[in-house]
Amino acid sequence: MLSIAPGQTGQTVITTFEMTPATATELMEALESAFDEVIRYQEGFIGAALDMNDAMTRICNYSQWQSRDDYKAMLRAPEMIARNRHILTLCKGFEPVMYEVSRVV
């Protein structure tokens, strides 16, 4: 389960996906499938959220991992390499960025 708190241990990753409304639903379904079938079972996975903007041009994924190495290992898993290739066909691109929680209001 996700928990946002300053000083939290582990790795927070926020990934943004840019797409067109024509591929938005299929991209969201591909991401949901990846989380339901693969990512949630990877070592170090804590939790994630997927959000889409009203214009259906961006998806934001907020995920938490026990460590940066756990997140990187998930990306190297053969199943995720194949899924990410498919995901890239549905969006203009995606960018994962690693963060540390600084403050919660």
C-alpha atoms as a PDB file:
ATOM      1  CA  MET A   1       0.000   0.000   0.000  1.00  0.00           C
ATOM      2  CA  LEU A   2       1.229   3.469  -0.858  1.00  0.00           C
ATOM      3  CA  SER A   3       2.237   5.768   1.941  1.00  0.00           C
ATOM      4  CA  ILE A   4       3.732   9.205   1.355  1.00  0.00           C
ATOM      5  CA  ALA A   5       5.832  10.513   4.226  1.00  0.00           C
ATOM      6  CA  PRO A   6       9.014  12.560   4.551  1.00  0.00           C
ATOM      7  CA  GLY A   7      12.041  10.506   5.530  1.00  0.00           C
ATOM      8  CA  GLN A   8      10.489   7.383   4.071  1.00  0.00           C
ATOM      9  CA  THR A   9      13.011   4.740   3.144  1.00  0.00           C
ATOM     10  CA  GLY A  10      13.020   3.212  -0.289  1.00  0.00           C
ATOM     11  CA  GLN A  11      12.635   4.635  -3.775  1.00  0.00           C
ATOM     12  CA  THR A  12       9.810   6.708  -5.206  1.00  0.00           C
ATOM     13  CA  VAL A  13       9.500   6.675  -9.003  1.00  0.00           C
ATOM     14  CA  ILE A  14       7.199   8.979 -10.949  1.00  0.00           C
ATOM     15  CA  THR A  15       6.811   8.052 -14.615  1.00  0.00           C
ATOM     16  CA  THR A  16       4.949  10.189 -17.105  1.00  0.00           C
ATOM     17  CA  PHE A  17       3.631   8.850 -20.396  1.00  0.00           C
ATOM     18  CA  GLU A  18       2.684  11.152 -23.271  1.00  0.00           C
ATOM     19  CA  MET A  19       0.107   9.867 -25.760  1.00  0.00           C
ATOM     20  CA  THR A  20      -2.843  10.873 -27.926  1.00  0.00           C
ATOM     21  CA  PRO A  21      -6.477  10.382 -26.932  1.00  0.00           C
ATOM     22  CA  ALA A  22      -6.668   7.702 -29.637  1.00  0.00           C
ATOM     23  CA  THR A  23      -4.275   5.412 -27.739  1.00  0.00           C
ATOM     24  CA  ALA A  24      -5.009   6.541 -24.161  1.00  0.00           C
ATOM     25  CA  THR A  25      -7.398   3.741 -23.208  1.00  0.00           C
ATOM     26  CA  GLU A  26      -5.240   0.997 -24.710  1.00  0.00           C
ATOM     27  CA  LEU A  27      -2.142   2.408 -22.998  1.00  0.00           C
ATOM     28  CA  MET A  28      -3.903   2.554 -19.623  1.00  0.00           C
ATOM     29  CA  GLU A  29      -5.050  -1.052 -20.095  1.00  0.00           C
ATOM     30  CA  ALA A  30      -1.488  -2.135 -20.963  1.00  0.00           C
ATOM     31  CA  LEU A  31      -0.148  -0.411 -17.842  1.00  0.00           C
ATOM     32  CA  GLU A  32      -2.860  -1.880 -15.619  1.00  0.00           C
ATOM     33  CA  SER A  33      -2.100  -5.322 -17.035  1.00  0.00           C
ATOM     34  CA  ALA A  34       1.628  -4.892 -16.394  1.00  0.00           C
ATOM     35  CA  PHE A  35       0.972  -3.967 -12.760  1.00  0.00           C
ATOM     36  CA  ASP A  36      -1.646  -6.674 -12.200  1.00  0.00           C
ATOM     37  CA  GLU A  37       0.265  -9.510 -13.858  1.00  0.00           C
ATOM     38  CA  VAL A  38       3.966  -8.707 -13.414  1.00  0.00           C
ATOM     39  CA  ILE A  39       5.093  -5.632 -11.494  1.00  0.00           C
ATOM     40  CA  ARG A  40       3.142  -6.209  -8.276  1.00  0.00           C
ATOM     41  CA  TYR A  41       4.954  -9.548  -7.864  1.00  0.00           C
ATOM     42  CA  GLN A  42       8.474  -8.148  -8.289  1.00  0.00           C
ATOM     43  CA  GLU A  43      10.788  -8.119  -5.300  1.00  0.00           C
ATOM     44  CA  GLY A  44      10.734  -4.792  -3.494  1.00  0.00           C
ATOM     45  CA  PHE A  45       7.478  -3.497  -4.984  1.00  0.00           C
ATOM     46  CA  ILE A  46       5.412  -1.593  -2.407  1.00  0.00           C
ATOM     47  CA  GLY A  47       2.573   0.007  -4.357  1.00  0.00           C
ATOM     48  CA  ALA A  48       1.590   2.233  -7.256  1.00  0.00           C
ATOM     49  CA  ALA A  49      -1.068   4.567  -8.633  1.00  0.00           C
ATOM     50  CA  LEU A  50      -1.999   5.361 -12.219  1.00  0.00           C
ATOM     51  CA  ASP A  51      -3.671   8.671 -13.143  1.00  0.00           C
ATOM     52  CA  MET A  52      -4.772  10.052 -16.524  1.00  0.00           C
ATOM     53  CA  ASN A  53      -5.371  13.722 -17.272  1.00  0.00           C
ATOM     54  CA  ASP A  54      -8.755  14.964 -18.531  1.00  0.00           C
ATOM     55  CA  ALA A  55      -7.450  15.555 -22.066  1.00  0.00           C
ATOM     56  CA  MET A  56      -6.271  11.916 -22.267  1.00  0.00           C
ATOM     57  CA  THR A  57      -2.792  13.044 -23.336  1.00  0.00           C
ATOM     58  CA  ARG A  58      -0.787  12.070 -20.251  1.00  0.00           C
ATOM     59  CA  ILE A  59      -0.643   9.267 -17.723  1.00  0.00           C
ATOM     60  CA  CYS A  60       1.267   9.616 -14.477  1.00  0.00           C
ATOM     61  CA  ASN A  61       2.455   6.561 -12.590  1.00  0.00           C
ATOM     62  CA  TYR A  62       3.568   6.977  -8.976  1.00  0.00           C
ATOM     63  CA  SER A  63       5.299   3.891  -7.591  1.00  0.00           C
ATOM     64  CA  GLN A  64       7.218   2.996  -4.460  1.00  0.00           C
ATOM     65  CA  TRP A  65       9.968   0.420  -4.167  1.00  0.00           C
ATOM     66  CA  GLN A  66      12.047  -0.828  -1.276  1.00  0.00           C
ATOM     67  CA  SER A  67      15.204   0.160  -3.170  1.00  0.00           C
ATOM     68  CA  ARG A  68      16.434   1.659  -6.417  1.00  0.00           C
ATOM     69  CA  ASP A  69      17.996  -1.704  -7.271  1.00  0.00           C
ATOM     70  CA  ASP A  70      14.588  -3.421  -6.953  1.00  0.00           C
ATOM     71  CA  TYR A  71      13.081  -0.964  -9.423  1.00  0.00           C
ATOM     72  CA  LYS A  72      15.961  -1.393 -11.862  1.00  0.00           C
ATOM     73  CA  ALA A  73      15.724  -5.192 -11.602  1.00  0.00           C
ATOM     74  CA  MET A  74      12.027  -5.013 -12.551  1.00  0.00           C
ATOM     75  CA  LEU A  75      12.922  -3.039 -15.677  1.00  0.00           C
ATOM     76  CA  ARG A  76      15.452  -5.729 -16.675  1.00  0.00           C
ATOM     77  CA  ALA A  77      12.989  -8.613 -16.269  1.00  0.00           C
ATOM     78  CA  PRO A  78      12.379 -10.221 -19.703  1.00  0.00           C
ATOM     79  CA  GLU A  79       8.593  -9.899 -19.324  1.00  0.00           C
ATOM     80  CA  MET A  80       8.879  -6.157 -18.639  1.00  0.00           C
ATOM     81  CA  ILE A  81      11.263  -5.607 -21.535  1.00  0.00           C
ATOM     82  CA  ALA A  82       8.643  -7.119 -23.873  1.00  0.00           C
ATOM     83  CA  ARG A  83       5.798  -5.147 -22.269  1.00  0.00           C
ATOM     84  CA  ASN A  84       7.731  -1.882 -22.417  1.00  0.00           C
ATOM     85  CA  ARG A  85       8.358  -2.408 -26.131  1.00  0.00           C
ATOM     86  CA  HIS A  86       4.591  -2.699 -26.610  1.00  0.00           C
ATOM     87  CA  ILE A  87       3.909   0.293 -24.344  1.00  0.00           C
ATOM     88  CA  LEU A  88       6.287   2.385 -26.466  1.00  0.00           C
ATOM     89  CA  THR A  89       4.102   1.707 -29.513  1.00  0.00           C
ATOM     90  CA  LEU A  90       1.141   3.283 -27.684  1.00  0.00           C
ATOM     91  CA  CYS A  91       2.785   6.508 -26.542  1.00  0.00           C
ATOM     92  CA  LYS A  92       5.118   9.210 -27.774  1.00  0.00           C
ATOM     93  CA  GLY A  93       7.462   8.299 -24.946  1.00  0.00           C
ATOM     94  CA  PHE A  94       7.743   7.817 -21.223  1.00  0.00           C
ATOM     95  CA  GLU A  95      10.148   9.090 -18.613  1.00  0.00           C
ATOM     96  CA  PRO A  96      10.723   7.510 -15.202  1.00  0.00           C
ATOM     97  CA  VAL A  97      12.306   9.855 -12.641  1.00  0.00           C
ATOM     98  CA  MET A  98      13.471   8.787  -9.174  1.00  0.00           C
ATOM     99  CA  TYR A  99      12.537  11.014  -6.229  1.00  0.00           C
ATOM    100  CA  GLU A 100      12.876  11.261  -2.468  1.00  0.00           C
ATOM    101  CA  VAL A 101       9.866  12.559  -0.538  1.00  0.00           C
ATOM    102  CA  SER A 102      10.802  15.921   0.970  1.00  0.00           C
ATOM    103  CA  ARG A 103       7.569  17.168   2.475  1.00  0.00           C
ATOM    104  CA  VAL A 104       3.919  16.219   2.816  1.00  0.00           C
ATOM    105  CA  VAL A 105       1.250  18.825   3.549  1.00  0.00           C
END
